[in-house]
């Protein structure tokens, strides 16, 4: 099977919609992996953490993070605690997470960075 582009996220997220439009406009064929529908296992999340670090994946600006208690936020102090939180609440993972066919990852969405990443990895 040929490696392909994969976008990870949650379908109804506005940022995901923008990123999907960018991929479509760029002619990129990709598979969408919805955390809520397709799930997220510990091994895949660990791959993301190994490549980007847990800090780059943890969305501390979103609603899910803001809804946590101070104690829950303070408890996220390393990769293991962040991983446990992201597995329990995948909506707290920065979206979208785009995987190029070579396995390189881009977290979050910025139109200019997306275009540059797509051009470089295509």
PDB file of N, CA and C in Angstrom:
ATOM      1  N   UNK A   1       0.840  -1.187   0.000  1.00  0.00           N
ATOM      2  CA  UNK A   1       0.000   0.000   0.000  1.00  0.00           C
ATOM      3  C   UNK A   1       0.883   1.249   0.000  1.00  0.00           C
ATOM      4  N   UNK A   2       0.581   2.172  -0.852  1.00  0.00           N
ATOM      5  CA  UNK A   2       1.335   3.410  -0.953  1.00  0.00           C
ATOM      6  C   UNK A   2       0.994   4.330   0.211  1.00  0.00           C
ATOM      7  N   UNK A   3       2.019   4.963   0.745  1.00  0.00           N
ATOM      8  CA  UNK A   3       1.792   5.927   1.819  1.00  0.00           C
ATOM      9  C   UNK A   3       0.958   7.081   1.284  1.00  0.00           C
ATOM     10  N   UNK A   4       0.151   7.633   2.133  1.00  0.00           N
ATOM     11  CA  UNK A   4      -0.704   8.743   1.713  1.00  0.00           C
ATOM     12  C   UNK A   4      -0.744   9.812   2.795  1.00  0.00           C
ATOM     13  N   UNK A   5      -1.298  10.942   2.429  1.00  0.00           N
ATOM     14  CA  UNK A   5      -1.528  12.020   3.376  1.00  0.00           C
ATOM     15  C   UNK A   5      -2.663  11.600   4.298  1.00  0.00           C
ATOM     16  N   UNK A   6      -2.541  11.952   5.574  1.00  0.00           N
ATOM     17  CA  UNK A   6      -3.606  11.684   6.538  1.00  0.00           C
ATOM     18  C   UNK A   6      -3.789  12.936   7.394  1.00  0.00           C
ATOM     19  N   UNK A   7      -5.039  13.357   7.525  1.00  0.00           N
ATOM     20  CA  UNK A   7      -5.365  14.461   8.422  1.00  0.00           C
ATOM     21  C   UNK A   7      -6.102  13.881   9.616  1.00  0.00           C
ATOM     22  N   UNK A   8      -5.617  14.232  10.817  1.00  0.00           N
ATOM     23  CA  UNK A   8      -6.228  13.789  12.062  1.00  0.00           C
ATOM     24  C   UNK A   8      -6.935  14.971  12.701  1.00  0.00           C
ATOM     25  N   UNK A   9      -8.114  14.699  13.251  1.00  0.00           N
ATOM     26  CA  UNK A   9      -8.841  15.762  13.926  1.00  0.00           C
ATOM     27  C   UNK A   9     -10.258  15.359  14.247  1.00  0.00           C
ATOM     28  N   UNK A  10     -11.117  16.344  14.309  1.00  0.00           N
ATOM     29  CA  UNK A  10     -12.533  16.164  14.603  1.00  0.00           C
ATOM     30  C   UNK A  10     -13.309  16.888  13.512  1.00  0.00           C
ATOM     31  N   UNK A  11     -14.209  16.151  12.870  1.00  0.00           N
ATOM     32  CA  UNK A  11     -14.855  16.623  11.653  1.00  0.00           C
ATOM     33  C   UNK A  11     -15.535  17.983  11.763  1.00  0.00           C
ATOM     34  N   UNK A  12     -16.200  18.264  12.865  1.00  0.00           N
ATOM     35  CA  UNK A  12     -16.982  19.505  12.937  1.00  0.00           C
ATOM     36  C   UNK A  12     -16.172  20.728  13.380  1.00  0.00           C
ATOM     37  N   UNK A  13     -14.866  20.597  13.506  1.00  0.00           N
ATOM     38  CA  UNK A  13     -13.992  21.704  13.902  1.00  0.00           C
ATOM     39  C   UNK A  13     -13.829  22.690  12.740  1.00  0.00           C
ATOM     40  N   UNK A  14     -14.003  23.980  12.998  1.00  0.00           N
ATOM     41  CA  UNK A  14     -13.874  24.998  11.956  1.00  0.00           C
ATOM     42  C   UNK A  14     -12.470  25.027  11.348  1.00  0.00           C
ATOM     43  N   UNK A  15     -11.456  24.836  12.170  1.00  0.00           N
ATOM     44  CA  UNK A  15     -10.085  24.837  11.664  1.00  0.00           C
ATOM     45  C   UNK A  15      -9.851  23.649  10.745  1.00  0.00           C
ATOM     46  N   UNK A  16     -10.439  22.519  11.084  1.00  0.00           N
ATOM     47  CA  UNK A  16     -10.344  21.328  10.223  1.00  0.00           C
ATOM     48  C   UNK A  16     -10.974  21.639   8.865  1.00  0.00           C
ATOM     49  N   UNK A  17     -12.106  22.312   8.877  1.00  0.00           N
ATOM     50  CA  UNK A  17     -12.780  22.645   7.623  1.00  0.00           C
ATOM     51  C   UNK A  17     -11.890  23.517   6.739  1.00  0.00           C
ATOM     52  N   UNK A  18     -11.201  24.492   7.330  1.00  0.00           N
ATOM     53  CA  UNK A  18     -10.280  25.346   6.570  1.00  0.00           C
ATOM     54  C   UNK A  18      -9.136  24.519   5.995  1.00  0.00           C
ATOM     55  N   UNK A  19      -8.567  23.660   6.825  1.00  0.00           N
ATOM     56  CA  UNK A  19      -7.443  22.833   6.384  1.00  0.00           C
ATOM     57  C   UNK A  19      -7.861  21.878   5.282  1.00  0.00           C
ATOM     58  N   UNK A  20      -9.039  21.302   5.405  1.00  0.00           N
ATOM     59  CA  UNK A  20      -9.533  20.389   4.362  1.00  0.00           C
ATOM     60  C   UNK A  20      -9.730  21.142   3.045  1.00  0.00           C
ATOM     61  N   UNK A  21     -10.207  22.366   3.123  1.00  0.00           N
ATOM     62  CA  UNK A  21     -10.366  23.179   1.912  1.00  0.00           C
ATOM     63  C   UNK A  21      -9.019  23.451   1.258  1.00  0.00           C
ATOM     64  N   UNK A  22      -8.012  23.731   2.072  1.00  0.00           N
ATOM     65  CA  UNK A  22      -6.669  23.974   1.553  1.00  0.00           C
ATOM     66  C   UNK A  22      -6.133  22.733   0.844  1.00  0.00           C
ATOM     67  N   UNK A  23      -6.314  21.571   1.444  1.00  0.00           N
ATOM     68  CA  UNK A  23      -5.850  20.337   0.805  1.00  0.00           C
ATOM     69  C   UNK A  23      -6.588  20.091  -0.511  1.00  0.00           C
ATOM     70  N   UNK A  24      -7.888  20.301  -0.508  1.00  0.00           N
ATOM     71  CA  UNK A  24      -8.672  20.099  -1.731  1.00  0.00           C
ATOM     72  C   UNK A  24      -8.227  21.059  -2.827  1.00  0.00           C
ATOM     73  N   UNK A  25      -8.021  22.327  -2.459  1.00  0.00           N
ATOM     74  CA  UNK A  25      -7.592  23.329  -3.442  1.00  0.00           C
ATOM     75  C   UNK A  25      -6.197  23.022  -3.988  1.00  0.00           C
ATOM     76  N   UNK A  26      -5.388  22.316  -3.182  1.00  0.00           N
ATOM     77  CA  UNK A  26      -4.033  21.961  -3.599  1.00  0.00           C
ATOM     78  C   UNK A  26      -3.993  20.621  -4.335  1.00  0.00           C
ATOM     79  N   UNK A  27      -5.150  19.987  -4.490  1.00  0.00           N
ATOM     80  CA  UNK A  27      -5.221  18.716  -5.195  1.00  0.00           C
ATOM     81  C   UNK A  27      -4.618  17.545  -4.422  1.00  0.00           C
ATOM     82  N   UNK A  28      -4.588  17.653  -3.098  1.00  0.00           N
ATOM     83  CA  UNK A  28      -4.008  16.599  -2.266  1.00  0.00           C
ATOM     84  C   UNK A  28      -5.089  15.574  -1.928  1.00  0.00           C
ATOM     85  N   UNK A  29      -4.823  14.325  -2.290  1.00  0.00           N
ATOM     86  CA  UNK A  29      -5.700  13.225  -1.931  1.00  0.00           C
ATOM     87  C   UNK A  29      -5.282  12.759  -0.538  1.00  0.00           C
ATOM     88  N   UNK A  30      -6.202  12.723   0.384  1.00  0.00           N
ATOM     89  CA  UNK A  30      -5.855  12.381   1.760  1.00  0.00           C
ATOM     90  C   UNK A  30      -6.974  11.573   2.395  1.00  0.00           C
ATOM     91  N   UNK A  31      -6.639  10.948   3.505  1.00  0.00           N
ATOM     92  CA  UNK A  31      -7.619  10.233   4.317  1.00  0.00           C
ATOM     93  C   UNK A  31      -7.825  11.055   5.575  1.00  0.00           C
ATOM     94  N   UNK A  32      -9.084  11.186   6.000  1.00  0.00           N
ATOM     95  CA  UNK A  32      -9.384  11.917   7.230  1.00  0.00           C
ATOM     96  C   UNK A  32      -9.621  10.915   8.348  1.00  0.00           C
ATOM     97  N   UNK A  33      -8.904  11.096   9.445  1.00  0.00           N
ATOM     98  CA  UNK A  33      -9.047  10.240  10.625  1.00  0.00           C
ATOM     99  C   UNK A  33      -9.698  11.080  11.721  1.00  0.00           C
ATOM    100  N   UNK A  34     -10.946  10.787  11.996  1.00  0.00           N
ATOM    101  CA  UNK A  34     -11.705  11.516  13.015  1.00  0.00           C
ATOM    102  C   UNK A  34     -11.520  10.795  14.353  1.00  0.00           C
ATOM    103  N   UNK A  35     -10.926  11.484  15.318  1.00  0.00           N
ATOM    104  CA  UNK A  35     -10.686  10.876  16.619  1.00  0.00           C
ATOM    105  C   UNK A  35     -11.967  10.333  17.244  1.00  0.00           C
ATOM    106  N   UNK A  36     -13.078  11.018  17.039  1.00  0.00           N
ATOM    107  CA  UNK A  36     -14.333  10.599  17.667  1.00  0.00           C
ATOM    108  C   UNK A  36     -14.932   9.368  16.981  1.00  0.00           C
ATOM    109  N   UNK A  37     -14.709   9.228  15.688  1.00  0.00           N
ATOM    110  CA  UNK A  37     -15.262   8.107  14.928  1.00  0.00           C
ATOM    111  C   UNK A  37     -14.270   6.950  14.855  1.00  0.00           C
ATOM    112  N   UNK A  38     -13.034   7.275  14.499  1.00  0.00           N
ATOM    113  CA  UNK A  38     -12.012   6.253  14.257  1.00  0.00           C
ATOM    114  C   UNK A  38     -11.199   5.916  15.499  1.00  0.00           C
ATOM    115  N   UNK A  39     -11.319   6.739  16.532  1.00  0.00           N
ATOM    116  CA  UNK A  39     -10.601   6.496  17.769  1.00  0.00           C
ATOM    117  C   UNK A  39      -9.145   6.945  17.707  1.00  0.00           C
ATOM    118  N   UNK A  40      -8.477   6.756  18.815  1.00  0.00           N
ATOM    119  CA  UNK A  40      -7.059   7.090  18.941  1.00  0.00           C
ATOM    120  C   UNK A  40      -6.460   6.108  19.919  1.00  0.00           C
ATOM    121  N   UNK A  41      -5.465   5.349  19.466  1.00  0.00           N
ATOM    122  CA  UNK A  41      -4.848   4.399  20.390  1.00  0.00           C
ATOM    123  C   UNK A  41      -3.524   4.952  20.905  1.00  0.00           C
ATOM    124  N   UNK A  42      -3.082   4.362  21.999  1.00  0.00           N
ATOM    125  CA  UNK A  42      -1.883   4.853  22.685  1.00  0.00           C
ATOM    126  C   UNK A  42      -0.645   4.782  21.800  1.00  0.00           C
ATOM    127  N   UNK A  43      -0.535   3.752  20.970  1.00  0.00           N
ATOM    128  CA  UNK A  43       0.648   3.599  20.118  1.00  0.00           C
ATOM    129  C   UNK A  43       0.732   4.718  19.079  1.00  0.00           C
ATOM    130  N   UNK A  44      -0.386   5.057  18.454  1.00  0.00           N
ATOM    131  CA  UNK A  44      -0.390   6.141  17.469  1.00  0.00           C
ATOM    132  C   UNK A  44      -0.087   7.475  18.141  1.00  0.00           C
ATOM    133  N   UNK A  45      -0.713   7.734  19.273  1.00  0.00           N
ATOM    134  CA  UNK A  45      -0.448   8.973  19.992  1.00  0.00           C
ATOM    135  C   UNK A  45       1.026   9.057  20.386  1.00  0.00           C
ATOM    136  N   UNK A  46       1.609   7.953  20.798  1.00  0.00           N
ATOM    137  CA  UNK A  46       3.023   7.952  21.180  1.00  0.00           C
ATOM    138  C   UNK A  46       3.916   8.298  19.986  1.00  0.00           C
ATOM    139  N   UNK A  47       3.534   7.834  18.796  1.00  0.00           N
ATOM    140  CA  UNK A  47       4.281   8.203  17.580  1.00  0.00           C
ATOM    141  C   UNK A  47       4.243   9.713  17.384  1.00  0.00           C
ATOM    142  N   UNK A  48       3.074  10.300  17.567  1.00  0.00           N
ATOM    143  CA  UNK A  48       2.938  11.756  17.434  1.00  0.00           C
ATOM    144  C   UNK A  48       3.819  12.473  18.459  1.00  0.00           C
ATOM    145  N   UNK A  49       3.775  12.012  19.703  1.00  0.00           N
ATOM    146  CA  UNK A  49       4.560  12.628  20.773  1.00  0.00           C
ATOM    147  C   UNK A  49       6.051  12.482  20.489  1.00  0.00           C
ATOM    148  N   UNK A  50       6.458  11.307  20.015  1.00  0.00           N
ATOM    149  CA  UNK A  50       7.875  11.078  19.692  1.00  0.00           C
ATOM    150  C   UNK A  50       8.363  12.027  18.602  1.00  0.00           C
ATOM    151  N   UNK A  51       7.499  12.337  17.649  1.00  0.00           N
ATOM    152  CA  UNK A  51       7.904  13.198  16.532  1.00  0.00           C
ATOM    153  C   UNK A  51       7.827  14.684  16.855  1.00  0.00           C
ATOM    154  N   UNK A  52       6.793  15.087  17.607  1.00  0.00           N
ATOM    155  CA  UNK A  52       6.556  16.520  17.814  1.00  0.00           C
ATOM    156  C   UNK A  52       6.757  16.991  19.255  1.00  0.00           C
ATOM    157  N   UNK A  53       6.711  16.071  20.194  1.00  0.00           N
ATOM    158  CA  UNK A  53       6.709  16.457  21.604  1.00  0.00           C
ATOM    159  C   UNK A  53       5.286  16.706  22.057  1.00  0.00           C
ATOM    160  N   UNK A  54       5.012  16.407  23.314  1.00  0.00           N
ATOM    161  CA  UNK A  54       3.632  16.552  23.790  1.00  0.00           C
ATOM    162  C   UNK A  54       3.192  18.013  23.828  1.00  0.00           C
ATOM    163  N   UNK A  55       4.138  18.943  24.038  1.00  0.00           N
ATOM    164  CA  UNK A  55       3.761  20.355  24.124  1.00  0.00           C
ATOM    165  C   UNK A  55       3.169  20.864  22.810  1.00  0.00           C
ATOM    166  N   UNK A  56       3.694  20.381  21.683  1.00  0.00           N
ATOM    167  CA  UNK A  56       3.194  20.819  20.378  1.00  0.00           C
ATOM    168  C   UNK A  56       1.816  20.247  20.078  1.00  0.00           C
ATOM    169  N   UNK A  57       1.466  19.155  20.712  1.00  0.00           N
ATOM    170  CA  UNK A  57       0.181  18.495  20.462  1.00  0.00           C
ATOM    171  C   UNK A  57      -0.930  18.967  21.381  1.00  0.00           C
ATOM    172  N   UNK A  58      -0.578  19.415  22.552  1.00  0.00           N
ATOM    173  CA  UNK A  58      -1.567  19.779  23.563  1.00  0.00           C
ATOM    174  C   UNK A  58      -2.112  21.183  23.280  1.00  0.00           C
ATOM    175  N   UNK A  59      -3.398  21.254  22.999  1.00  0.00           N
ATOM    176  CA  UNK A  59      -4.031  22.537  22.691  1.00  0.00           C
ATOM    177  C   UNK A  59      -4.471  23.211  23.988  1.00  0.00           C
ATOM    178  N   UNK A  60      -3.625  24.090  24.466  1.00  0.00           N
ATOM    179  CA  UNK A  60      -3.922  24.777  25.723  1.00  0.00           C
ATOM    180  C   UNK A  60      -4.716  26.070  25.494  1.00  0.00           C
ATOM    181  N   UNK A  61      -5.103  26.330  24.253  1.00  0.00           N
ATOM    182  CA  UNK A  61      -5.887  27.535  23.958  1.00  0.00           C
ATOM    183  C   UNK A  61      -7.352  27.218  23.688  1.00  0.00           C
ATOM    184  N   UNK A  62      -7.695  25.940  23.622  1.00  0.00           N
ATOM    185  CA  UNK A  62      -9.046  25.547  23.248  1.00  0.00           C
ATOM    186  C   UNK A  62     -10.002  25.390  24.411  1.00  0.00           C
ATOM    187  N   UNK A  63     -11.245  25.185  24.071  1.00  0.00           N
ATOM    188  CA  UNK A  63     -12.320  25.043  25.051  1.00  0.00           C
ATOM    189  C   UNK A  63     -12.100  23.852  25.974  1.00  0.00           C
ATOM    190  N   UNK A  64     -11.644  22.736  25.414  1.00  0.00           N
ATOM    191  CA  UNK A  64     -11.469  21.535  26.233  1.00  0.00           C
ATOM    192  C   UNK A  64     -10.475  21.789  27.364  1.00  0.00           C
ATOM    193  N   UNK A  65      -9.378  22.471  27.048  1.00  0.00           N
ATOM    194  CA  UNK A  65      -8.372  22.798  28.073  1.00  0.00           C
ATOM    195  C   UNK A  65      -8.956  23.754  29.112  1.00  0.00           C
ATOM    196  N   UNK A  66      -9.669  24.770  28.651  1.00  0.00           N
ATOM    197  CA  UNK A  66     -10.227  25.764  29.563  1.00  0.00           C
ATOM    198  C   UNK A  66     -11.263  25.164  30.511  1.00  0.00           C
ATOM    199  N   UNK A  67     -11.917  24.086  30.079  1.00  0.00           N
ATOM    200  CA  UNK A  67     -12.926  23.437  30.927  1.00  0.00           C
ATOM    201  C   UNK A  67     -12.310  22.555  32.006  1.00  0.00           C
ATOM    202  N   UNK A  68     -11.016  22.263  31.905  1.00  0.00           N
ATOM    203  CA  UNK A  68     -10.358  21.456  32.932  1.00  0.00           C
ATOM    204  C   UNK A  68     -10.205  22.268  34.213  1.00  0.00           C
ATOM    205  N   UNK A  69     -10.193  21.585  35.322  1.00  0.00           N
ATOM    206  CA  UNK A  69      -9.947  22.263  36.591  1.00  0.00           C
ATOM    207  C   UNK A  69      -8.469  22.652  36.666  1.00  0.00           C
ATOM    208  N   UNK A  70      -8.146  23.565  37.558  1.00  0.00           N
ATOM    209  CA  UNK A  70      -6.745  23.946  37.750  1.00  0.00           C
ATOM    210  C   UNK A  70      -5.902  22.729  38.100  1.00  0.00           C
ATOM    211  N   UNK A  71      -6.447  21.846  38.922  1.00  0.00           N
ATOM    212  CA  UNK A  71      -5.714  20.641  39.324  1.00  0.00           C
ATOM    213  C   UNK A  71      -5.437  19.735  38.128  1.00  0.00           C
ATOM    214  N   UNK A  72      -6.430  19.604  37.234  1.00  0.00           N
ATOM    215  CA  UNK A  72      -6.236  18.765  36.041  1.00  0.00           C
ATOM    216  C   UNK A  72      -5.174  19.371  35.127  1.00  0.00           C
ATOM    217  N   UNK A  73      -5.204  20.681  34.970  1.00  0.00           N
ATOM    218  CA  UNK A  73      -4.201  21.340  34.112  1.00  0.00           C
ATOM    219  C   UNK A  73      -2.814  21.207  34.724  1.00  0.00           C
ATOM    220  N   UNK A  74      -2.701  21.412  36.014  1.00  0.00           N
ATOM    221  CA  UNK A  74      -1.421  21.323  36.707  1.00  0.00           C
ATOM    222  C   UNK A  74      -0.856  19.904  36.655  1.00  0.00           C
ATOM    223  N   UNK A  75      -1.728  18.913  36.607  1.00  0.00           N
ATOM    224  CA  UNK A  75      -1.297  17.514  36.589  1.00  0.00           C
ATOM    225  C   UNK A  75      -0.596  17.129  35.282  1.00  0.00           C
ATOM    226  N   UNK A  76      -0.762  17.938  34.244  1.00  0.00           N
ATOM    227  CA  UNK A  76      -0.097  17.660  32.968  1.00  0.00           C
ATOM    228  C   UNK A  76       1.304  18.251  33.049  1.00  0.00           C
ATOM    229  N   UNK A  77       2.255  17.393  33.402  1.00  0.00           N
ATOM    230  CA  UNK A  77       3.609  17.872  33.662  1.00  0.00           C
ATOM    231  C   UNK A  77       4.679  17.165  32.836  1.00  0.00           C
ATOM    232  N   UNK A  78       4.288  16.131  32.102  1.00  0.00           N
ATOM    233  CA  UNK A  78       5.251  15.397  31.287  1.00  0.00           C
ATOM    234  C   UNK A  78       4.503  14.662  30.174  1.00  0.00           C
ATOM    235  N   UNK A  79       5.253  13.944  29.339  1.00  0.00           N
ATOM    236  CA  UNK A  79       4.654  13.259  28.192  1.00  0.00           C
ATOM    237  C   UNK A  79       3.627  12.214  28.630  1.00  0.00           C
ATOM    238  N   UNK A  80       3.901  11.501  29.711  1.00  0.00           N
ATOM    239  CA  UNK A  80       2.981  10.451  30.159  1.00  0.00           C
ATOM    240  C   UNK A  80       1.644  11.032  30.621  1.00  0.00           C
ATOM    241  N   UNK A  81       1.696  12.089  31.405  1.00  0.00           N
ATOM    242  CA  UNK A  81       0.449  12.683  31.891  1.00  0.00           C
ATOM    243  C   UNK A  81      -0.312  13.365  30.745  1.00  0.00           C
ATOM    244  N   UNK A  82       0.418  13.980  29.826  1.00  0.00           N
ATOM    245  CA  UNK A  82      -0.227  14.600  28.661  1.00  0.00           C
ATOM    246  C   UNK A  82      -0.865  13.533  27.782  1.00  0.00           C
ATOM    247  N   UNK A  83      -0.171  12.427  27.581  1.00  0.00           N
ATOM    248  CA  UNK A  83      -0.702  11.331  26.770  1.00  0.00           C
ATOM    249  C   UNK A  83      -1.991  10.786  27.374  1.00  0.00           C
ATOM    250  N   UNK A  84      -2.003  10.583  28.678  1.00  0.00           N
ATOM    251  CA  UNK A  84      -3.202  10.072  29.346  1.00  0.00           C
ATOM    252  C   UNK A  84      -4.384  11.024  29.135  1.00  0.00           C
ATOM    253  N   UNK A  85      -4.133  12.317  29.245  1.00  0.00           N
ATOM    254  CA  UNK A  85      -5.197  13.302  29.039  1.00  0.00           C
ATOM    255  C   UNK A  85      -5.675  13.298  27.586  1.00  0.00           C
ATOM    256  N   UNK A  86      -4.739  13.249  26.634  1.00  0.00           N
ATOM    257  CA  UNK A  86      -5.123  13.270  25.218  1.00  0.00           C
ATOM    258  C   UNK A  86      -5.875  12.010  24.813  1.00  0.00           C
ATOM    259  N   UNK A  87      -5.531  10.872  25.396  1.00  0.00           N
ATOM    260  CA  UNK A  87      -6.274   9.640  25.112  1.00  0.00           C
ATOM    261  C   UNK A  87      -7.683   9.710  25.686  1.00  0.00           C
ATOM    262  N   UNK A  88      -7.819  10.300  26.870  1.00  0.00           N
ATOM    263  CA  UNK A  88      -9.126  10.429  27.503  1.00  0.00           C
ATOM    264  C   UNK A  88      -9.996  11.481  26.812  1.00  0.00           C
ATOM    265  N   UNK A  89      -9.341  12.542  26.307  1.00  0.00           N
ATOM    266  CA  UNK A  89     -10.064  13.656  25.684  1.00  0.00           C
ATOM    267  C   UNK A  89      -9.355  14.080  24.393  1.00  0.00           C
ATOM    268  N   UNK A  90      -9.541  13.327  23.313  1.00  0.00           N
ATOM    269  CA  UNK A  90      -8.832  13.640  22.057  1.00  0.00           C
ATOM    270  C   UNK A  90      -9.100  15.050  21.519  1.00  0.00           C
ATOM    271  N   UNK A  91     -10.190  15.672  21.936  1.00  0.00           N
ATOM    272  CA  UNK A  91     -10.485  17.036  21.476  1.00  0.00           C
ATOM    273  C   UNK A  91      -9.451  18.029  21.978  1.00  0.00           C
ATOM    274  N   UNK A  92      -8.623  17.627  22.927  1.00  0.00           N
ATOM    275  CA  UNK A  92      -7.606  18.524  23.470  1.00  0.00           C
ATOM    276  C   UNK A  92      -6.328  18.516  22.622  1.00  0.00           C
ATOM    277  N   UNK A  93      -6.293  17.659  21.601  1.00  0.00           N
ATOM    278  CA  UNK A  93      -5.135  17.605  20.702  1.00  0.00           C
ATOM    279  C   UNK A  93      -5.269  18.731  19.681  1.00  0.00           C
ATOM    280  N   UNK A  94      -4.179  19.459  19.471  1.00  0.00           N
ATOM    281  CA  UNK A  94      -4.166  20.560  18.511  1.00  0.00           C
ATOM    282  C   UNK A  94      -4.610  20.035  17.145  1.00  0.00           C
ATOM    283  N   UNK A  95      -5.493  20.791  16.509  1.00  0.00           N
ATOM    284  CA  UNK A  95      -6.040  20.375  15.226  1.00  0.00           C
ATOM    285  C   UNK A  95      -5.760  21.418  14.160  1.00  0.00           C
ATOM    286  N   UNK A  96      -5.657  20.934  12.948  1.00  0.00           N
ATOM    287  CA  UNK A  96      -5.504  19.538  12.555  1.00  0.00           C
ATOM    288  C   UNK A  96      -4.066  19.071  12.755  1.00  0.00           C
ATOM    289  N   UNK A  97      -3.910  17.774  12.664  1.00  0.00           N
ATOM    290  CA  UNK A  97      -2.591  17.171  12.638  1.00  0.00           C
ATOM    291  C   UNK A  97      -2.485  16.529  11.270  1.00  0.00           C
ATOM    292  N   UNK A  98      -1.556  17.017  10.462  1.00  0.00           N
ATOM    293  CA  UNK A  98      -1.410  16.536   9.085  1.00  0.00           C
ATOM    294  C   UNK A  98      -0.149  15.703   8.975  1.00  0.00           C
ATOM    295  N   UNK A  99      -0.312  14.477   8.481  1.00  0.00           N
ATOM    296  CA  UNK A  99       0.821  13.574   8.270  1.00  0.00           C
ATOM    297  C   UNK A  99       1.091  13.459   6.775  1.00  0.00           C
ATOM    298  N   UNK A 100       2.306  13.789   6.385  1.00  0.00           N
ATOM    299  CA  UNK A 100       2.728  13.656   4.992  1.00  0.00           C
ATOM    300  C   UNK A 100       3.000  12.179   4.707  1.00  0.00           C
ATOM    301  N   UNK A 101       3.051  11.796   3.442  1.00  0.00           N
ATOM    302  CA  UNK A 101       3.328  10.391   3.110  1.00  0.00           C
ATOM    303  C   UNK A 101       4.641   9.859   3.701  1.00  0.00           C
ATOM    304  N   UNK A 102       5.608  10.740   3.936  1.00  0.00           N
ATOM    305  CA  UNK A 102       6.882  10.292   4.515  1.00  0.00           C
ATOM    306  C   UNK A 102       6.832  10.224   6.046  1.00  0.00           C
ATOM    307  N   UNK A 103       5.668  10.536   6.640  1.00  0.00           N
ATOM    308  CA  UNK A 103       5.503  10.443   8.083  1.00  0.00           C
ATOM    309  C   UNK A 103       5.738  11.736   8.841  1.00  0.00           C
ATOM    310  N   UNK A 104       6.246  12.776   8.170  1.00  0.00           N
ATOM    311  CA  UNK A 104       6.440  14.052   8.861  1.00  0.00           C
ATOM    312  C   UNK A 104       5.091  14.651   9.209  1.00  0.00           C
ATOM    313  N   UNK A 105       5.052  15.377  10.334  1.00  0.00           N
ATOM    314  CA  UNK A 105       3.804  15.908  10.864  1.00  0.00           C
ATOM    315  C   UNK A 105       3.815  17.425  10.941  1.00  0.00           C
ATOM    316  N   UNK A 106       2.638  17.999  10.761  1.00  0.00           N
ATOM    317  CA  UNK A 106       2.425  19.431  10.946  1.00  0.00           C
ATOM    318  C   UNK A 106       1.205  19.584  11.844  1.00  0.00           C
ATOM    319  N   UNK A 107       1.384  20.231  12.996  1.00  0.00           N
ATOM    320  CA  UNK A 107       0.289  20.418  13.949  1.00  0.00           C
ATOM    321  C   UNK A 107      -0.247  21.834  13.851  1.00  0.00           C
ATOM    322  N   UNK A 108      -1.564  21.947  13.869  1.00  0.00           N
ATOM    323  CA  UNK A 108      -2.206  23.254  13.789  1.00  0.00           C
ATOM    324  C   UNK A 108      -2.400  23.671  12.344  1.00  0.00           C
ATOM    325  N   UNK A 109      -3.040  24.816  12.167  1.00  0.00           N
ATOM    326  CA  UNK A 109      -3.314  25.286  10.809  1.00  0.00           C
ATOM    327  C   UNK A 109      -2.943  26.747  10.640  1.00  0.00           C
ATOM    328  N   UNK A 110      -2.160  26.976   9.626  1.00  0.00           N
ATOM    329  CA  UNK A 110      -1.819  28.304   9.130  1.00  0.00           C
ATOM    330  C   UNK A 110      -1.724  28.117   7.627  1.00  0.00           C
ATOM    331  N   UNK A 111      -2.491  28.880   6.856  1.00  0.00           N
ATOM    332  CA  UNK A 111      -2.562  28.662   5.411  1.00  0.00           C
ATOM    333  C   UNK A 111      -1.184  28.684   4.752  1.00  0.00           C
ATOM    334  N   UNK A 112      -0.349  29.652   5.097  1.00  0.00           N
ATOM    335  CA  UNK A 112       0.977  29.743   4.479  1.00  0.00           C
ATOM    336  C   UNK A 112       1.843  28.533   4.821  1.00  0.00           C
ATOM    337  N   UNK A 113       1.826  28.130   6.093  1.00  0.00           N
ATOM    338  CA  UNK A 113       2.607  26.960   6.497  1.00  0.00           C
ATOM    339  C   UNK A 113       2.083  25.691   5.836  1.00  0.00           C
ATOM    340  N   UNK A 114       0.768  25.597   5.690  1.00  0.00           N
ATOM    341  CA  UNK A 114       0.177  24.429   5.033  1.00  0.00           C
ATOM    342  C   UNK A 114       0.652  24.337   3.584  1.00  0.00           C
ATOM    343  N   UNK A 115       0.568  25.455   2.868  1.00  0.00           N
ATOM    344  CA  UNK A 115       1.001  25.444   1.464  1.00  0.00           C
ATOM    345  C   UNK A 115       2.475  25.068   1.346  1.00  0.00           C
ATOM    346  N   UNK A 116       3.307  25.616   2.205  1.00  0.00           N
ATOM    347  CA  UNK A 116       4.743  25.316   2.169  1.00  0.00           C
ATOM    348  C   UNK A 116       4.994  23.841   2.496  1.00  0.00           C
ATOM    349  N   UNK A 117       4.315  23.309   3.500  1.00  0.00           N
ATOM    350  CA  UNK A 117       4.468  21.910   3.893  1.00  0.00           C
ATOM    351  C   UNK A 117       4.041  20.984   2.762  1.00  0.00           C
ATOM    352  N   UNK A 118       2.911  21.296   2.136  1.00  0.00           N
ATOM    353  CA  UNK A 118       2.396  20.484   1.042  1.00  0.00           C
ATOM    354  C   UNK A 118       3.377  20.492  -0.131  1.00  0.00           C
ATOM    355  N   UNK A 119       3.857  21.672  -0.496  1.00  0.00           N
ATOM    356  CA  UNK A 119       4.803  21.762  -1.617  1.00  0.00           C
ATOM    357  C   UNK A 119       6.084  20.998  -1.322  1.00  0.00           C
ATOM    358  N   UNK A 120       6.595  21.138  -0.118  1.00  0.00           N
ATOM    359  CA  UNK A 120       7.847  20.496   0.251  1.00  0.00           C
ATOM    360  C   UNK A 120       7.723  18.977   0.285  1.00  0.00           C
ATOM    361  N   UNK A 121       6.573  18.452   0.729  1.00  0.00           N
ATOM    362  CA  UNK A 121       6.405  17.012   0.941  1.00  0.00           C
ATOM    363  C   UNK A 121       5.778  16.294  -0.241  1.00  0.00           C
ATOM    364  N   UNK A 122       5.262  17.041  -1.226  1.00  0.00           N
ATOM    365  CA  UNK A 122       4.606  16.398  -2.380  1.00  0.00           C
ATOM    366  C   UNK A 122       5.611  15.967  -3.416  1.00  0.00           C
TER     367      UNK A 122
END
